[in-house]
Amino acid sequence: MIRILIADDHAIVRGGLKQIIATTSDIVVAAEAAHGAEVIDKLRQCAVDLLLLDMTMPGISGIDLIRRVRAEQPSLPVLVLSIHDEAQVASRALRAGATGYLTKDSDPDVLIAAIRKLVDGGRFIDPKLVDALVFETQRGDVPPHELLSDREFQVLQMLASGKSINEIADTCSLSAKTISTHKMRLMQKLGLSNNAEVIRYAIRHGLVIE
């Protein structure tokens, strides 16, 4: 029996995923988590075979959370289930240690197949993103935001979603001064001069998180 931990801050999403899992005879939901710290706690308390992870949750999330999980449980398969269908976002998740990436508009059968493949030791990339990821790695002209650090990229996404410096600092458990420094650096790297330009850039490149 495959035991999984579902990590998503939306109860409706978790409920829908549990209904999908309930249609199988070999997969069971062993635990749920609604924010980043809870993911770490549940993984320490409960033995699971796979983590099904939303990229955007309260507290530690995204790239930081994937790295924390990977540091504590190096062999645990991590399947990211995200609203983002951008190759750059998927690429960052995979580089951080995720073993699979799937968008939330995928067919339930694809999700089940991905879970089974990862538990068997394989990797899984959303079929819709495979070509984009391949061509992205082949081309030399990467978009400017690919040159950002993971933290700068996270701050860019959160600024574009309308969060203030203090809100981002609280979410990331960092000081407002540190977040301001990241903001200054990312704006310099992207050649942006104000918040409106940050938002326009993120929208143009499909980087806005909900």
C-alpha atoms as a PDB file:
ATOM      1  CA  MET A   1       0.000   0.000   0.000  1.00  0.00           C
ATOM      2  CA  ILE A   2       1.314   3.455  -0.984  1.00  0.00           C
ATOM      3  CA  ARG A   3       0.954   5.947   1.875  1.00  0.00           C
ATOM      4  CA  ILE A   4       0.934   9.623   0.906  1.00  0.00           C
ATOM      5  CA  LEU A   5       0.893  12.992   2.657  1.00  0.00           C
ATOM      6  CA  ILE A   6      -1.247  15.648   0.963  1.00  0.00           C
ATOM      7  CA  ALA A   7       0.041  19.175   1.591  1.00  0.00           C
ATOM      8  CA  ASP A   8      -2.256  21.973   0.380  1.00  0.00           C
ATOM      9  CA  ASP A   9      -3.693  24.960   2.226  1.00  0.00           C
ATOM     10  CA  HIS A  10      -7.101  24.637   0.553  1.00  0.00           C
ATOM     11  CA  ALA A  11      -9.424  22.147   2.276  1.00  0.00           C
ATOM     12  CA  ILE A  12     -11.506  21.752  -0.881  1.00  0.00           C
ATOM     13  CA  VAL A  13      -8.431  20.772  -2.876  1.00  0.00           C
ATOM     14  CA  ARG A  14      -7.378  18.258  -0.227  1.00  0.00           C
ATOM     15  CA  GLY A  15     -10.898  16.834  -0.225  1.00  0.00           C
ATOM     16  CA  GLY A  16     -10.890  16.467  -3.992  1.00  0.00           C
ATOM     17  CA  LEU A  17      -7.516  14.757  -3.943  1.00  0.00           C
ATOM     18  CA  LYS A  18      -8.713  12.334  -1.275  1.00  0.00           C
ATOM     19  CA  GLN A  19     -11.712  11.441  -3.435  1.00  0.00           C
ATOM     20  CA  ILE A  20      -9.391  10.711  -6.364  1.00  0.00           C
ATOM     21  CA  ILE A  21      -7.098   8.589  -4.182  1.00  0.00           C
ATOM     22  CA  ALA A  22     -10.129   6.718  -2.804  1.00  0.00           C
ATOM     23  CA  THR A  23     -10.807   5.331  -6.290  1.00  0.00           C
ATOM     24  CA  THR A  24      -7.580   3.308  -6.116  1.00  0.00           C
ATOM     25  CA  SER A  25      -6.892   0.081  -4.257  1.00  0.00           C
ATOM     26  CA  ASP A  26      -3.166   0.611  -3.714  1.00  0.00           C
ATOM     27  CA  ILE A  27      -2.905   4.249  -2.494  1.00  0.00           C
ATOM     28  CA  VAL A  28      -4.078   5.721   0.815  1.00  0.00           C
ATOM     29  CA  VAL A  29      -3.916   9.231   2.311  1.00  0.00           C
ATOM     30  CA  ALA A  30      -1.962   8.765   5.542  1.00  0.00           C
ATOM     31  CA  ALA A  31      -1.809  12.445   6.573  1.00  0.00           C
ATOM     32  CA  GLU A  32      -2.682  16.007   5.541  1.00  0.00           C
ATOM     33  CA  ALA A  33      -0.987  19.365   6.063  1.00  0.00           C
ATOM     34  CA  ALA A  34      -2.241  22.911   5.464  1.00  0.00           C
ATOM     35  CA  HIS A  35       0.962  24.937   5.936  1.00  0.00           C
ATOM     36  CA  GLY A  36       4.704  24.524   5.598  1.00  0.00           C
ATOM     37  CA  ALA A  37       5.659  23.858   9.197  1.00  0.00           C
ATOM     38  CA  GLU A  38       2.897  21.263   9.457  1.00  0.00           C
ATOM     39  CA  VAL A  39       4.386  19.393   6.486  1.00  0.00           C
ATOM     40  CA  ILE A  40       7.682  19.000   8.329  1.00  0.00           C
ATOM     41  CA  ASP A  41       5.933  17.957  11.548  1.00  0.00           C
ATOM     42  CA  LYS A  42       3.718  15.386   9.830  1.00  0.00           C
ATOM     43  CA  LEU A  43       6.662  13.875   7.966  1.00  0.00           C
ATOM     44  CA  ARG A  44       8.466  13.422  11.282  1.00  0.00           C
ATOM     45  CA  GLN A  45       5.420  11.823  12.910  1.00  0.00           C
ATOM     46  CA  CYS A  46       4.089   9.674  10.094  1.00  0.00           C
ATOM     47  CA  ALA A  47       5.863   7.268   7.746  1.00  0.00           C
ATOM     48  CA  VAL A  48       4.783   7.974   4.168  1.00  0.00           C
ATOM     49  CA  ASP A  49       5.929   6.835   0.739  1.00  0.00           C
ATOM     50  CA  LEU A  50       5.316  10.111  -1.096  1.00  0.00           C
ATOM     51  CA  LEU A  51       4.660  13.801  -0.443  1.00  0.00           C
ATOM     52  CA  LEU A  52       2.057  15.428  -2.705  1.00  0.00           C
ATOM     53  CA  LEU A  53       2.966  19.103  -2.351  1.00  0.00           C
ATOM     54  CA  ASP A  54       1.353  22.387  -3.354  1.00  0.00           C
ATOM     55  CA  MET A  55       3.982  25.000  -4.246  1.00  0.00           C
ATOM     56  CA  THR A  56       2.250  27.910  -2.512  1.00  0.00           C
ATOM     57  CA  MET A  57       1.253  27.588   1.150  1.00  0.00           C
ATOM     58  CA  PRO A  58       1.376  29.779   4.273  1.00  0.00           C
ATOM     59  CA  GLY A  59       4.717  29.854   6.056  1.00  0.00           C
ATOM     60  CA  ILE A  60       7.676  28.081   4.538  1.00  0.00           C
ATOM     61  CA  SER A  61       6.707  26.959   1.053  1.00  0.00           C
ATOM     62  CA  GLY A  62       7.823  26.400  -2.501  1.00  0.00           C
ATOM     63  CA  ILE A  63      11.525  25.956  -3.118  1.00  0.00           C
ATOM     64  CA  ASP A  64      12.426  26.428   0.559  1.00  0.00           C
ATOM     65  CA  LEU A  65      10.010  23.730   1.675  1.00  0.00           C
ATOM     66  CA  ILE A  66      11.174  21.268  -0.977  1.00  0.00           C
ATOM     67  CA  ARG A  67      14.749  21.754   0.178  1.00  0.00           C
ATOM     68  CA  ARG A  68      13.794  21.294   3.833  1.00  0.00           C
ATOM     69  CA  VAL A  69      12.006  18.047   3.014  1.00  0.00           C
ATOM     70  CA  ARG A  70      14.901  16.861   0.889  1.00  0.00           C
ATOM     71  CA  ALA A  71      17.387  17.629   3.677  1.00  0.00           C
ATOM     72  CA  GLU A  72      15.375  15.670   6.265  1.00  0.00           C
ATOM     73  CA  GLN A  73      14.216  12.807   4.046  1.00  0.00           C
ATOM     74  CA  PRO A  74      16.530  12.551   1.022  1.00  0.00           C
ATOM     75  CA  SER A  75      14.880   9.449  -0.406  1.00  0.00           C
ATOM     76  CA  LEU A  76      11.237  10.580  -0.087  1.00  0.00           C
ATOM     77  CA  PRO A  77       9.588  11.188  -3.497  1.00  0.00           C
ATOM     78  CA  VAL A  78       8.104  14.687  -3.758  1.00  0.00           C
ATOM     79  CA  LEU A  79       5.385  15.269  -6.353  1.00  0.00           C
ATOM     80  CA  VAL A  80       4.619  18.966  -6.780  1.00  0.00           C
ATOM     81  CA  LEU A  81       1.000  19.709  -7.704  1.00  0.00           C
ATOM     82  CA  SER A  82       0.853  23.337  -8.787  1.00  0.00           C
ATOM     83  CA  ILE A  83      -1.321  25.921 -10.524  1.00  0.00           C
ATOM     84  CA  HIS A  84       1.794  27.074 -12.393  1.00  0.00           C
ATOM     85  CA  ASP A  85       2.222  25.736 -15.915  1.00  0.00           C
ATOM     86  CA  GLU A  86       5.404  27.724 -16.545  1.00  0.00           C
ATOM     87  CA  ALA A  87       8.507  25.721 -17.412  1.00  0.00           C
ATOM     88  CA  GLN A  88      10.677  28.041 -15.312  1.00  0.00           C
ATOM     89  CA  VAL A  89       8.667  27.362 -12.163  1.00  0.00           C
ATOM     90  CA  ALA A  90       8.741  23.614 -12.753  1.00  0.00           C
ATOM     91  CA  SER A  91      12.464  23.741 -13.464  1.00  0.00           C
ATOM     92  CA  ARG A  92      13.183  25.484 -10.159  1.00  0.00           C
ATOM     93  CA  ALA A  93      11.105  22.945  -8.237  1.00  0.00           C
ATOM     94  CA  LEU A  94      12.947  20.051  -9.848  1.00  0.00           C
ATOM     95  CA  ARG A  95      16.353  21.618  -9.225  1.00  0.00           C
ATOM     96  CA  ALA A  96      15.401  22.073  -5.565  1.00  0.00           C
ATOM     97  CA  GLY A  97      14.778  18.338  -5.224  1.00  0.00           C
ATOM     98  CA  ALA A  98      11.231  17.569  -6.369  1.00  0.00           C
ATOM     99  CA  THR A  99      11.022  14.249  -8.213  1.00  0.00           C
ATOM    100  CA  GLY A 100       7.842  15.097 -10.111  1.00  0.00           C
ATOM    101  CA  TYR A 101       5.834  18.111 -11.253  1.00  0.00           C
ATOM    102  CA  LEU A 102       2.167  18.173 -12.248  1.00  0.00           C
ATOM    103  CA  THR A 103      -0.299  21.008 -12.837  1.00  0.00           C
ATOM    104  CA  LYS A 104      -3.636  21.088 -11.017  1.00  0.00           C
ATOM    105  CA  ASP A 105      -5.638  20.936 -14.242  1.00  0.00           C
ATOM    106  CA  SER A 106      -4.259  17.468 -15.004  1.00  0.00           C
ATOM    107  CA  ASP A 107      -6.506  14.456 -15.450  1.00  0.00           C
ATOM    108  CA  PRO A 108      -6.908  12.347 -12.273  1.00  0.00           C
ATOM    109  CA  ASP A 109      -5.518   9.317 -14.103  1.00  0.00           C
ATOM    110  CA  VAL A 110      -2.313  11.242 -14.792  1.00  0.00           C
ATOM    111  CA  LEU A 111      -1.991  12.091 -11.085  1.00  0.00           C
ATOM    112  CA  ILE A 112      -2.394   8.440 -10.076  1.00  0.00           C
ATOM    113  CA  ALA A 113       0.133   7.346 -12.700  1.00  0.00           C
ATOM    114  CA  ALA A 114       2.599   9.977 -11.473  1.00  0.00           C
ATOM    115  CA  ILE A 115       2.282   8.832  -7.847  1.00  0.00           C
ATOM    116  CA  ARG A 116       2.909   5.195  -8.780  1.00  0.00           C
ATOM    117  CA  LYS A 117       5.857   6.052 -11.014  1.00  0.00           C
ATOM    118  CA  LEU A 118       7.588   8.152  -8.332  1.00  0.00           C
ATOM    119  CA  VAL A 119       7.099   5.512  -5.644  1.00  0.00           C
ATOM    120  CA  ASP A 120       8.658   2.983  -8.028  1.00  0.00           C
ATOM    121  CA  GLY A 121      11.760   5.162  -8.191  1.00  0.00           C
ATOM    122  CA  GLY A 122      10.987   7.085 -11.361  1.00  0.00           C
ATOM    123  CA  ARG A 123      10.448  10.755 -12.141  1.00  0.00           C
ATOM    124  CA  PHE A 124       7.429  12.442 -13.695  1.00  0.00           C
ATOM    125  CA  ILE A 125       7.002  15.719 -15.560  1.00  0.00           C
ATOM    126  CA  ASP A 126       3.628  17.042 -16.643  1.00  0.00           C
ATOM    127  CA  PRO A 127       3.314  16.060 -20.332  1.00  0.00           C
ATOM    128  CA  LYS A 128       2.256  19.643 -21.138  1.00  0.00           C
ATOM    129  CA  LEU A 129       5.582  20.970 -19.829  1.00  0.00           C
ATOM    130  CA  VAL A 130       8.017  18.427 -21.260  1.00  0.00           C
ATOM    131  CA  ASP A 131       8.666  20.229 -24.544  1.00  0.00           C
ATOM    132  CA  ALA A 132       8.971  23.609 -22.825  1.00  0.00           C
ATOM    133  CA  LEU A 133      11.490  22.232 -20.330  1.00  0.00           C
ATOM    134  CA  VAL A 134      13.535  20.560 -23.054  1.00  0.00           C
ATOM    135  CA  PHE A 135      13.640  23.641 -25.249  1.00  0.00           C
ATOM    136  CA  GLU A 136      14.361  25.874 -22.255  1.00  0.00           C
ATOM    137  CA  THR A 137      17.486  23.858 -21.409  1.00  0.00           C
ATOM    138  CA  GLN A 138      18.620  23.930 -25.028  1.00  0.00           C
ATOM    139  CA  ARG A 139      18.323  27.624 -25.711  1.00  0.00           C
ATOM    140  CA  GLY A 140      20.978  30.047 -24.619  1.00  0.00           C
ATOM    141  CA  ASP A 141      18.781  33.119 -24.149  1.00  0.00           C
ATOM    142  CA  VAL A 142      17.244  32.468 -20.745  1.00  0.00           C
ATOM    143  CA  PRO A 143      14.774  35.073 -19.395  1.00  0.00           C
ATOM    144  CA  PRO A 144      16.243  37.529 -16.872  1.00  0.00           C
ATOM    145  CA  HIS A 145      14.352  36.049 -13.901  1.00  0.00           C
ATOM    146  CA  GLU A 146      16.203  32.756 -14.384  1.00  0.00           C
ATOM    147  CA  LEU A 147      19.279  34.602 -13.117  1.00  0.00           C
ATOM    148  CA  LEU A 148      17.589  35.424  -9.798  1.00  0.00           C
ATOM    149  CA  SER A 149      18.373  33.450  -6.672  1.00  0.00           C
ATOM    150  CA  ASP A 150      15.551  31.237  -5.399  1.00  0.00           C
ATOM    151  CA  ARG A 151      14.782  33.730  -2.627  1.00  0.00           C
ATOM    152  CA  GLU A 152      14.752  36.669  -5.053  1.00  0.00           C
ATOM    153  CA  PHE A 153      12.439  34.700  -7.351  1.00  0.00           C
ATOM    154  CA  GLN A 154      10.108  33.975  -4.415  1.00  0.00           C
ATOM    155  CA  VAL A 155      10.058  37.653  -3.398  1.00  0.00           C
ATOM    156  CA  LEU A 156       9.318  38.633  -7.008  1.00  0.00           C
ATOM    157  CA  GLN A 157       6.297  36.318  -7.097  1.00  0.00           C
ATOM    158  CA  MET A 158       4.973  37.536  -3.763  1.00  0.00           C
ATOM    159  CA  LEU A 159       5.427  41.220  -4.624  1.00  0.00           C
ATOM    160  CA  ALA A 160       3.572  40.628  -7.875  1.00  0.00           C
ATOM    161  CA  SER A 161       0.695  38.997  -5.966  1.00  0.00           C
ATOM    162  CA  GLY A 162       0.258  42.205  -3.964  1.00  0.00           C
ATOM    163  CA  LYS A 163       2.017  41.322  -0.707  1.00  0.00           C
ATOM    164  CA  SER A 164       3.821  44.039   1.230  1.00  0.00           C
ATOM    165  CA  ILE A 165       7.421  43.828   2.411  1.00  0.00           C
ATOM    166  CA  ASN A 166       6.246  43.101   5.965  1.00  0.00           C
ATOM    167  CA  GLU A 167       3.845  40.372   4.805  1.00  0.00           C
ATOM    168  CA  ILE A 168       6.594  38.713   2.784  1.00  0.00           C
ATOM    169  CA  ALA A 169       8.949  38.953   5.756  1.00  0.00           C
ATOM    170  CA  ASP A 170       6.398  37.240   8.004  1.00  0.00           C
ATOM    171  CA  THR A 171       5.762  34.495   5.466  1.00  0.00           C
ATOM    172  CA  CYS A 172       9.464  33.815   4.942  1.00  0.00           C
ATOM    173  CA  SER A 173      10.383  34.245   8.636  1.00  0.00           C
ATOM    174  CA  LEU A 174      12.911  36.919   7.696  1.00  0.00           C
ATOM    175  CA  SER A 175      13.324  40.577   8.603  1.00  0.00           C
ATOM    176  CA  ALA A 176      11.730  43.310   6.518  1.00  0.00           C
ATOM    177  CA  LYS A 177      15.230  44.694   5.923  1.00  0.00           C
ATOM    178  CA  THR A 178      16.359  41.400   4.401  1.00  0.00           C
ATOM    179  CA  ILE A 179      13.297  41.251   2.131  1.00  0.00           C
ATOM    180  CA  SER A 180      13.918  44.857   1.068  1.00  0.00           C
ATOM    181  CA  THR A 181      17.468  43.884   0.127  1.00  0.00           C
ATOM    182  CA  HIS A 182      16.203  40.963  -1.969  1.00  0.00           C
ATOM    183  CA  LYS A 183      13.690  43.301  -3.619  1.00  0.00           C
ATOM    184  CA  MET A 184      16.393  45.833  -4.461  1.00  0.00           C
ATOM    185  CA  ARG A 185      18.651  43.138  -5.949  1.00  0.00           C
ATOM    186  CA  LEU A 186      15.933  41.509  -8.058  1.00  0.00           C
ATOM    187  CA  MET A 187      14.830  44.888  -9.420  1.00  0.00           C
ATOM    188  CA  GLN A 188      18.430  45.695 -10.358  1.00  0.00           C
ATOM    189  CA  LYS A 189      18.876  42.326 -12.093  1.00  0.00           C
ATOM    190  CA  LEU A 190      15.607  42.714 -14.019  1.00  0.00           C
ATOM    191  CA  GLY A 191      16.107  46.406 -14.808  1.00  0.00           C
ATOM    192  CA  LEU A 192      12.902  47.414 -13.024  1.00  0.00           C
ATOM    193  CA  SER A 193      12.420  50.694 -11.192  1.00  0.00           C
ATOM    194  CA  ASN A 194       9.099  50.460  -9.319  1.00  0.00           C
ATOM    195  CA  ASN A 195       6.391  48.090  -8.073  1.00  0.00           C
ATOM    196  CA  ALA A 196       4.199  48.602 -11.138  1.00  0.00           C
ATOM    197  CA  GLU A 197       7.021  47.384 -13.382  1.00  0.00           C
ATOM    198  CA  VAL A 198       7.570  44.380 -11.096  1.00  0.00           C
ATOM    199  CA  ILE A 199       3.894  43.415 -11.435  1.00  0.00           C
ATOM    200  CA  ARG A 200       3.884  43.912 -15.214  1.00  0.00           C
ATOM    201  CA  TYR A 201       7.038  41.812 -15.581  1.00  0.00           C
ATOM    202  CA  ALA A 202       5.602  38.967 -13.489  1.00  0.00           C
ATOM    203  CA  ILE A 203       2.307  38.981 -15.401  1.00  0.00           C
ATOM    204  CA  ARG A 204       4.090  39.035 -18.759  1.00  0.00           C
ATOM    205  CA  HIS A 205       6.126  35.964 -17.811  1.00  0.00           C
ATOM    206  CA  GLY A 206       3.294  34.083 -16.066  1.00  0.00           C
ATOM    207  CA  LEU A 207       4.907  34.240 -12.626  1.00  0.00           C
ATOM    208  CA  VAL A 208       2.046  35.620 -10.531  1.00  0.00           C
ATOM    209  CA  ILE A 209       0.912  33.343  -7.696  1.00  0.00           C
ATOM    210  CA  GLU A 210      -2.618  33.334  -6.287  1.00  0.00           C
END
